[in-house]
Amino acid sequence: MKNKSSFVLAGIVMCAFIPVFSGSLRAASLRDVVINEIAWMGTAASTYDEWIELYNTTGDTITLTNWTLSSADGTPSITLSGSIAPYGYFLLERSDDNTVSDISADQIYTGALGDAGEDFSLKDSSDTVIDRVNCSGGWFAGSGAAKITMERINPVIDGSTTTNWANNDEVTTSGPGR
């Protein structure tokens, strides 16, 4: 919707259209953004080459500024910034942007992932849990020896459900999880 505003400049009536937001803003809901893939073991090049991928399950761009992705043991603890496109991915790489060679990281983080598992919570800027992956008893999938990541099967199913995770099928369409 636009509001019409008129003003006079040097005897000429000027009209301007000023956009007015008429939609509604909504808070993020459970599983609007999910933890989609975790390279907890690093890569063949380096065990430090860990990465985490988030996925936006909605048709809206979601601003991640001041969201957090943190492990129950405190490491890693990541304050997110930026946004994630509708049905898009957000790549977090540990320490530098050299881990996934064909995709630029959306954000760099510090703090190693535990090889024995992690209990992750993804919270919005209001501290509401949007997604959780509780692998505190051990990673649900992936392989440290073969360097195979753990990927989510269905984003609408609870991330702490063991059967909702599998080894990455090693088919890459445009980088991790795409």
N, C-alpha and C. Protein backbone atom coordinates (compact mmCIF):
# COMPACT_ATOMS: atom_id res chain seq x y z
N MET A 1 0.85 -1.16 0.00
CA MET A 1 0.00 0.00 0.00
C MET A 1 0.91 1.23 0.00
N LYS A 2 0.51 2.27 -0.68
CA LYS A 2 1.29 3.50 -0.72
C LYS A 2 0.41 4.66 -0.29
N ASN A 3 0.98 5.58 0.45
CA ASN A 3 0.30 6.82 0.80
C ASN A 3 0.77 7.89 -0.16
N LYS A 4 -0.17 8.72 -0.61
CA LYS A 4 0.19 9.80 -1.51
C LYS A 4 0.42 11.06 -0.68
N SER A 5 1.51 11.72 -0.94
CA SER A 5 1.86 12.93 -0.22
C SER A 5 2.19 13.99 -1.26
N SER A 6 1.66 15.22 -1.08
CA SER A 6 1.93 16.30 -2.03
C SER A 6 2.68 17.42 -1.33
N PHE A 7 3.52 18.11 -2.07
CA PHE A 7 4.20 19.29 -1.55
C PHE A 7 4.47 20.22 -2.73
N VAL A 8 4.73 21.49 -2.42
CA VAL A 8 4.96 22.50 -3.44
C VAL A 8 6.44 22.87 -3.43
N LEU A 9 7.04 22.83 -4.60
CA LEU A 9 8.44 23.21 -4.76
C LEU A 9 8.52 24.19 -5.91
N ALA A 10 8.92 25.44 -5.63
CA ALA A 10 9.06 26.51 -6.63
C ALA A 10 7.78 26.65 -7.46
N GLY A 11 6.62 26.63 -6.81
CA GLY A 11 5.36 26.84 -7.48
C GLY A 11 4.83 25.64 -8.22
N ILE A 12 5.53 24.49 -8.17
CA ILE A 12 5.09 23.29 -8.86
C ILE A 12 4.62 22.29 -7.79
N VAL A 13 3.46 21.74 -7.99
CA VAL A 13 2.96 20.74 -7.05
C VAL A 13 3.64 19.42 -7.37
N MET A 14 4.31 18.87 -6.38
CA MET A 14 5.01 17.61 -6.53
C MET A 14 4.24 16.54 -5.76
N CYS A 15 4.17 15.37 -6.31
CA CYS A 15 3.53 14.25 -5.63
C CYS A 15 4.58 13.16 -5.39
N ALA A 16 4.50 12.56 -4.23
CA ALA A 16 5.41 11.47 -3.91
C ALA A 16 4.60 10.31 -3.36
N PHE A 17 5.01 9.13 -3.70
CA PHE A 17 4.37 7.95 -3.15
C PHE A 17 5.31 7.37 -2.10
N ILE A 18 4.80 7.28 -0.89
CA ILE A 18 5.59 6.77 0.21
C ILE A 18 5.07 5.38 0.56
N PRO A 19 5.94 4.36 0.44
CA PRO A 19 5.47 3.02 0.75
C PRO A 19 5.16 2.87 2.24
N VAL A 20 4.08 2.20 2.54
CA VAL A 20 3.68 1.93 3.90
C VAL A 20 3.55 0.42 4.05
N PHE A 21 4.19 -0.14 5.05
CA PHE A 21 4.11 -1.57 5.27
C PHE A 21 2.71 -1.93 5.74
N SER A 22 2.06 -2.83 5.03
CA SER A 22 0.70 -3.23 5.42
C SER A 22 0.63 -4.70 5.81
N GLY A 23 1.76 -5.40 5.75
CA GLY A 23 1.78 -6.81 6.14
C GLY A 23 1.91 -6.93 7.65
N SER A 24 2.06 -8.14 8.10
CA SER A 24 2.26 -8.34 9.53
C SER A 24 3.59 -9.05 9.76
N LEU A 25 4.25 -8.67 10.82
CA LEU A 25 5.48 -9.33 11.20
C LEU A 25 5.11 -10.44 12.17
N ARG A 26 5.81 -11.55 12.08
CA ARG A 26 5.53 -12.62 13.03
C ARG A 26 6.83 -13.14 13.59
N ALA A 27 6.74 -13.62 14.80
CA ALA A 27 7.92 -14.22 15.41
C ALA A 27 8.16 -15.58 14.76
N ALA A 28 9.39 -16.02 14.80
CA ALA A 28 9.71 -17.34 14.26
C ALA A 28 9.02 -18.40 15.11
N SER A 29 8.65 -19.47 14.46
CA SER A 29 7.98 -20.57 15.13
C SER A 29 8.89 -21.80 15.15
N LEU A 30 8.50 -22.78 15.93
CA LEU A 30 9.24 -24.02 16.03
C LEU A 30 9.53 -24.58 14.64
N ARG A 31 10.79 -24.87 14.38
CA ARG A 31 11.31 -25.46 13.14
C ARG A 31 11.14 -24.59 11.90
N ASP A 32 10.96 -23.26 12.05
CA ASP A 32 11.03 -22.38 10.88
C ASP A 32 12.44 -22.43 10.29
N VAL A 33 13.43 -22.54 11.15
CA VAL A 33 14.82 -22.76 10.74
C VAL A 33 15.29 -23.98 11.51
N VAL A 34 15.96 -24.89 10.82
CA VAL A 34 16.42 -26.12 11.47
C VAL A 34 17.92 -26.32 11.25
N ILE A 35 18.49 -27.07 12.16
CA ILE A 35 19.86 -27.55 12.01
C ILE A 35 19.75 -28.70 11.02
N ASN A 36 20.34 -28.55 9.85
CA ASN A 36 20.08 -29.46 8.74
C ASN A 36 21.18 -30.47 8.47
N GLU A 37 22.42 -30.06 8.68
CA GLU A 37 23.54 -30.96 8.43
C GLU A 37 24.70 -30.55 9.33
N ILE A 38 25.42 -31.55 9.83
CA ILE A 38 26.53 -31.28 10.74
C ILE A 38 27.75 -32.10 10.31
N ALA A 39 28.83 -31.38 10.05
CA ALA A 39 30.11 -32.04 9.74
C ALA A 39 30.92 -32.05 11.03
N TRP A 40 30.51 -32.89 11.95
CA TRP A 40 31.11 -32.93 13.29
C TRP A 40 32.52 -33.50 13.30
N MET A 41 32.89 -34.20 12.24
CA MET A 41 34.18 -34.89 12.19
C MET A 41 35.24 -34.14 11.41
N GLY A 42 34.88 -33.02 10.81
CA GLY A 42 35.81 -32.30 9.96
C GLY A 42 35.87 -32.92 8.58
N THR A 43 36.98 -32.73 7.90
CA THR A 43 37.15 -33.25 6.54
C THR A 43 38.42 -34.09 6.47
N ALA A 44 38.62 -34.71 5.34
CA ALA A 44 39.85 -35.48 5.14
C ALA A 44 41.08 -34.58 5.24
N ALA A 45 40.94 -33.32 4.88
CA ALA A 45 42.07 -32.39 4.95
C ALA A 45 42.40 -32.02 6.39
N SER A 46 41.38 -31.88 7.24
CA SER A 46 41.63 -31.47 8.62
C SER A 46 40.41 -31.75 9.51
N THR A 47 40.67 -32.27 10.69
CA THR A 47 39.58 -32.47 11.66
C THR A 47 39.03 -31.13 12.15
N TYR A 48 39.77 -30.04 11.93
CA TYR A 48 39.31 -28.70 12.30
C TYR A 48 38.28 -28.16 11.31
N ASP A 49 38.16 -28.77 10.16
CA ASP A 49 37.24 -28.29 9.11
C ASP A 49 35.81 -28.73 9.38
N GLU A 50 35.29 -28.31 10.51
CA GLU A 50 33.90 -28.64 10.86
C GLU A 50 32.97 -27.56 10.31
N TRP A 51 31.73 -27.94 10.05
CA TRP A 51 30.74 -26.97 9.60
C TRP A 51 29.34 -27.43 9.98
N ILE A 52 28.43 -26.46 10.02
CA ILE A 52 27.04 -26.69 10.38
C ILE A 52 26.19 -25.94 9.36
N GLU A 53 25.14 -26.60 8.91
CA GLU A 53 24.24 -25.98 7.94
C GLU A 53 22.85 -25.83 8.56
N LEU A 54 22.28 -24.63 8.41
CA LEU A 54 20.90 -24.36 8.81
C LEU A 54 20.04 -24.31 7.56
N TYR A 55 18.75 -24.60 7.71
CA TYR A 55 17.83 -24.57 6.57
C TYR A 55 16.56 -23.82 6.98
N ASN A 56 16.12 -22.90 6.12
CA ASN A 56 14.89 -22.14 6.33
C ASN A 56 13.74 -22.93 5.71
N THR A 57 12.81 -23.38 6.52
CA THR A 57 11.69 -24.20 6.04
C THR A 57 10.51 -23.37 5.56
N THR A 58 10.64 -22.04 5.57
CA THR A 58 9.51 -21.18 5.23
C THR A 58 9.72 -20.44 3.91
N GLY A 59 8.68 -19.79 3.45
CA GLY A 59 8.73 -18.97 2.26
C GLY A 59 9.10 -17.53 2.56
N ASP A 60 9.57 -17.25 3.78
CA ASP A 60 9.95 -15.90 4.19
C ASP A 60 11.44 -15.83 4.46
N THR A 61 12.03 -14.67 4.17
CA THR A 61 13.40 -14.42 4.61
C THR A 61 13.37 -14.25 6.12
N ILE A 62 14.29 -14.89 6.80
CA ILE A 62 14.33 -14.82 8.26
C ILE A 62 15.64 -14.17 8.68
N THR A 63 15.52 -13.11 9.47
CA THR A 63 16.69 -12.43 10.01
C THR A 63 17.19 -13.22 11.21
N LEU A 64 18.47 -13.60 11.16
CA LEU A 64 19.06 -14.41 12.23
C LEU A 64 19.84 -13.58 13.24
N THR A 65 19.86 -12.28 13.08
CA THR A 65 20.62 -11.41 13.97
C THR A 65 20.19 -11.63 15.42
N ASN A 66 21.19 -11.90 16.25
CA ASN A 66 21.03 -12.17 17.69
C ASN A 66 20.37 -13.50 18.00
N TRP A 67 20.21 -14.37 17.01
CA TRP A 67 19.85 -15.74 17.30
C TRP A 67 21.10 -16.43 17.84
N THR A 68 20.92 -17.54 18.51
CA THR A 68 22.08 -18.29 19.01
C THR A 68 21.96 -19.76 18.62
N LEU A 69 23.10 -20.34 18.37
CA LEU A 69 23.23 -21.78 18.18
C LEU A 69 24.29 -22.19 19.18
N SER A 70 23.87 -22.94 20.18
CA SER A 70 24.82 -23.28 21.23
C SER A 70 24.64 -24.71 21.70
N SER A 71 25.76 -25.23 22.18
CA SER A 71 25.79 -26.57 22.73
C SER A 71 25.57 -26.48 24.24
N ALA A 72 24.95 -27.50 24.80
CA ALA A 72 24.69 -27.51 26.24
C ALA A 72 25.97 -27.42 27.06
N ASP A 73 27.09 -27.90 26.52
CA ASP A 73 28.35 -27.83 27.27
C ASP A 73 29.06 -26.49 27.09
N GLY A 74 28.45 -25.57 26.31
CA GLY A 74 29.00 -24.22 26.15
C GLY A 74 29.92 -24.02 24.97
N THR A 75 30.34 -25.10 24.32
CA THR A 75 31.22 -24.97 23.16
C THR A 75 30.73 -25.88 22.04
N PRO A 76 30.42 -25.33 20.89
CA PRO A 76 30.47 -23.91 20.57
C PRO A 76 29.23 -23.16 21.09
N SER A 77 29.38 -21.87 21.13
CA SER A 77 28.28 -20.96 21.45
C SER A 77 28.37 -19.83 20.43
N ILE A 78 27.43 -19.81 19.51
CA ILE A 78 27.51 -18.92 18.35
C ILE A 78 26.35 -17.93 18.37
N THR A 79 26.66 -16.64 18.30
CA THR A 79 25.63 -15.63 18.11
C THR A 79 25.57 -15.36 16.61
N LEU A 80 24.42 -15.61 16.03
CA LEU A 80 24.28 -15.51 14.58
C LEU A 80 24.04 -14.07 14.13
N SER A 81 24.32 -13.81 12.87
CA SER A 81 24.02 -12.53 12.24
C SER A 81 23.68 -12.79 10.79
N GLY A 82 23.01 -11.84 10.18
CA GLY A 82 22.63 -12.00 8.78
C GLY A 82 21.22 -12.54 8.65
N SER A 83 20.93 -13.06 7.48
CA SER A 83 19.58 -13.59 7.23
C SER A 83 19.68 -14.84 6.37
N ILE A 84 18.58 -15.54 6.33
CA ILE A 84 18.51 -16.77 5.55
C ILE A 84 17.31 -16.67 4.61
N ALA A 85 17.57 -16.88 3.34
CA ALA A 85 16.55 -16.73 2.29
C ALA A 85 15.45 -17.78 2.43
N PRO A 86 14.29 -17.52 1.83
CA PRO A 86 13.22 -18.52 1.85
C PRO A 86 13.72 -19.85 1.28
N TYR A 87 13.46 -20.92 1.99
CA TYR A 87 13.87 -22.28 1.60
C TYR A 87 15.37 -22.32 1.29
N GLY A 88 16.12 -21.47 1.97
CA GLY A 88 17.55 -21.36 1.73
C GLY A 88 18.38 -21.96 2.85
N TYR A 89 19.68 -21.96 2.62
CA TYR A 89 20.64 -22.55 3.54
C TYR A 89 21.55 -21.47 4.10
N PHE A 90 22.08 -21.72 5.28
CA PHE A 90 23.00 -20.82 5.96
C PHE A 90 24.16 -21.67 6.45
N LEU A 91 25.35 -21.41 5.91
CA LEU A 91 26.52 -22.23 6.21
C LEU A 91 27.40 -21.57 7.26
N LEU A 92 27.66 -22.30 8.33
CA LEU A 92 28.57 -21.87 9.39
C LEU A 92 29.83 -22.73 9.29
N GLU A 93 30.98 -22.08 9.12
CA GLU A 93 32.24 -22.80 9.05
C GLU A 93 33.10 -22.45 10.26
N ARG A 94 33.78 -23.45 10.78
CA ARG A 94 34.63 -23.25 11.94
C ARG A 94 35.96 -22.61 11.55
N SER A 95 36.30 -21.54 12.21
CA SER A 95 37.60 -20.85 12.17
C SER A 95 37.91 -20.06 10.90
N ASP A 96 37.55 -20.56 9.71
CA ASP A 96 37.85 -19.82 8.49
C ASP A 96 36.88 -20.26 7.38
N ASP A 97 37.00 -19.60 6.25
CA ASP A 97 36.10 -19.87 5.11
C ASP A 97 36.74 -20.81 4.10
N ASN A 98 37.57 -21.74 4.55
CA ASN A 98 38.26 -22.64 3.64
C ASN A 98 37.73 -24.07 3.69
N THR A 99 36.74 -24.33 4.52
CA THR A 99 36.27 -25.70 4.73
C THR A 99 35.48 -26.23 3.55
N VAL A 100 34.48 -25.49 3.12
CA VAL A 100 33.65 -25.89 1.97
C VAL A 100 34.10 -25.02 0.80
N SER A 101 34.84 -25.62 -0.11
CA SER A 101 35.52 -24.84 -1.14
C SER A 101 34.59 -24.19 -2.17
N ASP A 102 33.43 -24.79 -2.44
CA ASP A 102 32.58 -24.25 -3.50
C ASP A 102 31.48 -23.32 -3.01
N ILE A 103 31.43 -23.06 -1.69
CA ILE A 103 30.41 -22.17 -1.14
C ILE A 103 31.06 -21.28 -0.08
N SER A 104 30.78 -19.99 -0.16
CA SER A 104 31.26 -19.07 0.86
C SER A 104 30.44 -19.26 2.13
N ALA A 105 31.13 -19.23 3.25
CA ALA A 105 30.44 -19.33 4.54
C ALA A 105 29.56 -18.11 4.75
N ASP A 106 28.41 -18.32 5.35
CA ASP A 106 27.56 -17.19 5.75
C ASP A 106 28.07 -16.60 7.06
N GLN A 107 28.74 -17.44 7.85
CA GLN A 107 29.30 -16.98 9.11
C GLN A 107 30.41 -17.93 9.54
N ILE A 108 31.44 -17.37 10.16
CA ILE A 108 32.54 -18.14 10.73
C ILE A 108 32.30 -18.22 12.23
N TYR A 109 32.58 -19.39 12.83
CA TYR A 109 32.44 -19.53 14.28
C TYR A 109 33.70 -20.16 14.85
N THR A 110 33.83 -20.10 16.16
CA THR A 110 34.94 -20.76 16.85
C THR A 110 34.35 -21.74 17.85
N GLY A 111 35.15 -22.72 18.20
CA GLY A 111 34.72 -23.73 19.16
C GLY A 111 34.51 -25.06 18.48
N ALA A 112 35.20 -26.07 18.94
CA ALA A 112 35.15 -27.39 18.33
C ALA A 112 33.88 -28.14 18.71
N LEU A 113 33.43 -29.00 17.78
CA LEU A 113 32.32 -29.91 18.06
C LEU A 113 32.91 -31.16 18.70
N GLY A 114 32.24 -31.66 19.73
CA GLY A 114 32.73 -32.86 20.40
C GLY A 114 32.52 -34.10 19.54
N ASP A 115 33.54 -34.92 19.41
CA ASP A 115 33.42 -36.14 18.61
C ASP A 115 32.44 -37.14 19.22
N ALA A 116 32.16 -37.02 20.51
CA ALA A 116 31.24 -37.94 21.18
C ALA A 116 29.79 -37.47 21.10
N GLY A 117 29.55 -36.27 20.55
CA GLY A 117 28.19 -35.75 20.40
C GLY A 117 28.02 -34.39 21.04
N GLU A 118 26.91 -33.76 20.73
CA GLU A 118 26.55 -32.44 21.27
C GLU A 118 25.04 -32.38 21.45
N ASP A 119 24.61 -31.48 22.31
CA ASP A 119 23.19 -31.17 22.49
C ASP A 119 23.03 -29.71 22.06
N PHE A 120 22.59 -29.49 20.81
CA PHE A 120 22.46 -28.15 20.24
C PHE A 120 21.06 -27.58 20.41
N SER A 121 21.01 -26.28 20.72
CA SER A 121 19.75 -25.53 20.70
C SER A 121 19.92 -24.33 19.79
N LEU A 122 18.95 -24.15 18.90
CA LEU A 122 18.89 -22.97 18.04
C LEU A 122 17.77 -22.10 18.60
N LYS A 123 18.13 -20.89 19.05
CA LYS A 123 17.16 -19.99 19.68
C LYS A 123 17.08 -18.68 18.91
N ASP A 124 15.87 -18.13 18.84
CA ASP A 124 15.70 -16.84 18.18
C ASP A 124 16.14 -15.71 19.12
N SER A 125 16.02 -14.48 18.67
CA SER A 125 16.49 -13.33 19.44
C SER A 125 15.70 -13.11 20.73
N SER A 126 14.55 -13.78 20.87
CA SER A 126 13.76 -13.71 22.11
C SER A 126 14.07 -14.89 23.02
N ASP A 127 15.08 -15.67 22.69
CA ASP A 127 15.52 -16.83 23.46
C ASP A 127 14.53 -18.00 23.41
N THR A 128 13.71 -18.03 22.37
CA THR A 128 12.76 -19.12 22.16
C THR A 128 13.44 -20.22 21.36
N VAL A 129 13.34 -21.45 21.81
CA VAL A 129 13.94 -22.57 21.09
C VAL A 129 13.18 -22.79 19.78
N ILE A 130 13.89 -22.70 18.67
CA ILE A 130 13.32 -22.90 17.34
C ILE A 130 13.62 -24.32 16.85
N ASP A 131 14.78 -24.85 17.25
CA ASP A 131 15.13 -26.23 16.90
C ASP A 131 16.12 -26.75 17.92
N ARG A 132 16.11 -28.06 18.08
CA ARG A 132 17.06 -28.70 19.00
C ARG A 132 17.48 -30.03 18.41
N VAL A 133 18.76 -30.32 18.53
CA VAL A 133 19.32 -31.60 18.13
C VAL A 133 20.11 -32.11 19.33
N ASN A 134 19.55 -33.10 20.02
CA ASN A 134 20.20 -33.63 21.20
C ASN A 134 20.91 -34.94 20.86
N CYS A 135 22.18 -34.81 20.57
CA CYS A 135 23.05 -35.97 20.30
C CYS A 135 24.04 -36.12 21.45
N SER A 136 23.62 -35.79 22.66
CA SER A 136 24.54 -35.84 23.80
C SER A 136 25.01 -37.26 24.10
N GLY A 137 24.26 -38.26 23.67
CA GLY A 137 24.66 -39.65 23.86
C GLY A 137 25.47 -40.19 22.70
N GLY A 138 25.78 -39.37 21.74
CA GLY A 138 26.53 -39.77 20.55
C GLY A 138 25.82 -39.29 19.30
N TRP A 139 26.59 -38.96 18.29
CA TRP A 139 26.02 -38.49 17.02
C TRP A 139 25.12 -39.57 16.43
N PHE A 140 23.99 -39.15 15.88
CA PHE A 140 23.01 -40.09 15.31
C PHE A 140 23.51 -40.71 14.01
N ALA A 141 24.37 -40.02 13.31
CA ALA A 141 24.85 -40.49 12.00
C ALA A 141 26.18 -39.81 11.71
N GLY A 142 26.72 -40.12 10.56
CA GLY A 142 28.01 -39.59 10.16
C GLY A 142 29.11 -40.56 10.53
N SER A 143 30.29 -40.30 10.00
CA SER A 143 31.42 -41.17 10.27
C SER A 143 32.70 -40.35 10.38
N GLY A 144 33.36 -40.49 11.54
CA GLY A 144 34.63 -39.82 11.72
C GLY A 144 35.71 -40.39 10.82
N ALA A 145 35.74 -41.71 10.71
CA ALA A 145 36.78 -42.36 9.90
C ALA A 145 36.61 -42.07 8.41
N ALA A 146 35.36 -42.15 7.92
CA ALA A 146 35.11 -41.93 6.49
C ALA A 146 34.82 -40.46 6.16
N LYS A 147 34.75 -39.61 7.18
CA LYS A 147 34.46 -38.18 7.01
C LYS A 147 33.12 -37.95 6.29
N ILE A 148 32.10 -38.64 6.75
CA ILE A 148 30.75 -38.49 6.21
C ILE A 148 29.91 -37.69 7.20
N THR A 149 29.25 -36.66 6.71
CA THR A 149 28.45 -35.79 7.58
C THR A 149 27.12 -36.44 7.98
N MET A 150 26.52 -35.85 8.98
CA MET A 150 25.21 -36.26 9.47
C MET A 150 24.19 -35.28 8.90
N GLU A 151 23.18 -35.78 8.15
CA GLU A 151 22.19 -34.87 7.58
C GLU A 151 20.78 -35.26 7.99
N ARG A 152 19.96 -34.23 8.15
CA ARG A 152 18.58 -34.40 8.57
C ARG A 152 17.76 -34.94 7.42
N ILE A 153 16.85 -35.84 7.73
CA ILE A 153 16.00 -36.43 6.70
C ILE A 153 14.78 -35.56 6.43
N ASN A 154 14.09 -35.13 7.48
CA ASN A 154 12.85 -34.36 7.32
C ASN A 154 12.87 -33.17 8.28
N PRO A 155 12.83 -31.93 7.76
CA PRO A 155 12.94 -30.75 8.62
C PRO A 155 11.73 -30.52 9.54
N VAL A 156 10.60 -31.12 9.25
CA VAL A 156 9.43 -30.90 10.11
C VAL A 156 9.37 -31.88 11.27
N ILE A 157 10.23 -32.89 11.26
CA ILE A 157 10.28 -33.86 12.35
C ILE A 157 11.34 -33.40 13.35
N ASP A 158 11.08 -33.65 14.62
CA ASP A 158 11.96 -33.28 15.72
C ASP A 158 13.42 -33.64 15.42
N GLY A 159 14.31 -32.68 15.62
CA GLY A 159 15.73 -32.88 15.36
C GLY A 159 16.42 -33.80 16.35
N SER A 160 15.75 -34.12 17.45
CA SER A 160 16.33 -35.03 18.44
C SER A 160 15.82 -36.45 18.27
N THR A 161 15.13 -36.71 17.17
CA THR A 161 14.68 -38.06 16.85
C THR A 161 15.78 -38.76 16.06
N THR A 162 16.32 -39.79 16.64
CA THR A 162 17.46 -40.51 16.05
C THR A 162 17.22 -40.92 14.61
N THR A 163 16.03 -41.41 14.32
CA THR A 163 15.73 -41.92 12.98
C THR A 163 15.51 -40.82 11.94
N ASN A 164 15.58 -39.55 12.37
CA ASN A 164 15.43 -38.44 11.44
C ASN A 164 16.78 -37.95 10.91
N TRP A 165 17.83 -38.75 11.12
CA TRP A 165 19.17 -38.40 10.66
C TRP A 165 19.78 -39.58 9.93
N ALA A 166 20.61 -39.27 8.96
CA ALA A 166 21.29 -40.31 8.19
C ALA A 166 22.67 -39.81 7.79
N ASN A 167 23.48 -40.73 7.33
CA ASN A 167 24.75 -40.34 6.73
C ASN A 167 24.45 -39.58 5.45
N ASN A 168 25.23 -38.54 5.19
CA ASN A 168 25.09 -37.83 3.93
C ASN A 168 25.26 -38.83 2.79
N ASP A 169 24.41 -38.68 1.77
CA ASP A 169 24.43 -39.64 0.65
C ASP A 169 25.57 -39.35 -0.33
N GLU A 170 26.37 -38.35 -0.03
CA GLU A 170 27.53 -37.96 -0.81
C GLU A 170 27.18 -37.50 -2.23
N VAL A 171 25.92 -37.14 -2.42
CA VAL A 171 25.50 -36.53 -3.68
C VAL A 171 25.42 -35.03 -3.42
N THR A 172 26.28 -34.27 -4.07
CA THR A 172 26.31 -32.84 -3.89
C THR A 172 25.75 -32.16 -5.12
N THR A 173 24.71 -31.34 -4.90
CA THR A 173 24.14 -30.63 -6.04
C THR A 173 24.66 -29.21 -6.14
N SER A 174 24.98 -28.57 -5.03
CA SER A 174 25.64 -27.25 -5.06
C SER A 174 26.21 -26.95 -3.69
N GLY A 175 26.90 -27.89 -3.13
CA GLY A 175 27.51 -27.68 -1.82
C GLY A 175 26.80 -28.48 -0.77
N PRO A 176 27.12 -28.24 0.49
CA PRO A 176 26.55 -29.03 1.57
C PRO A 176 25.03 -28.94 1.59
N GLY A 177 24.38 -30.08 1.63
CA GLY A 177 22.94 -30.14 1.79
C GLY A 177 22.11 -29.59 0.64
N ARG A 178 22.69 -29.20 -0.45
CA ARG A 178 21.90 -28.55 -1.50
C ARG A 178 21.68 -29.48 -2.66
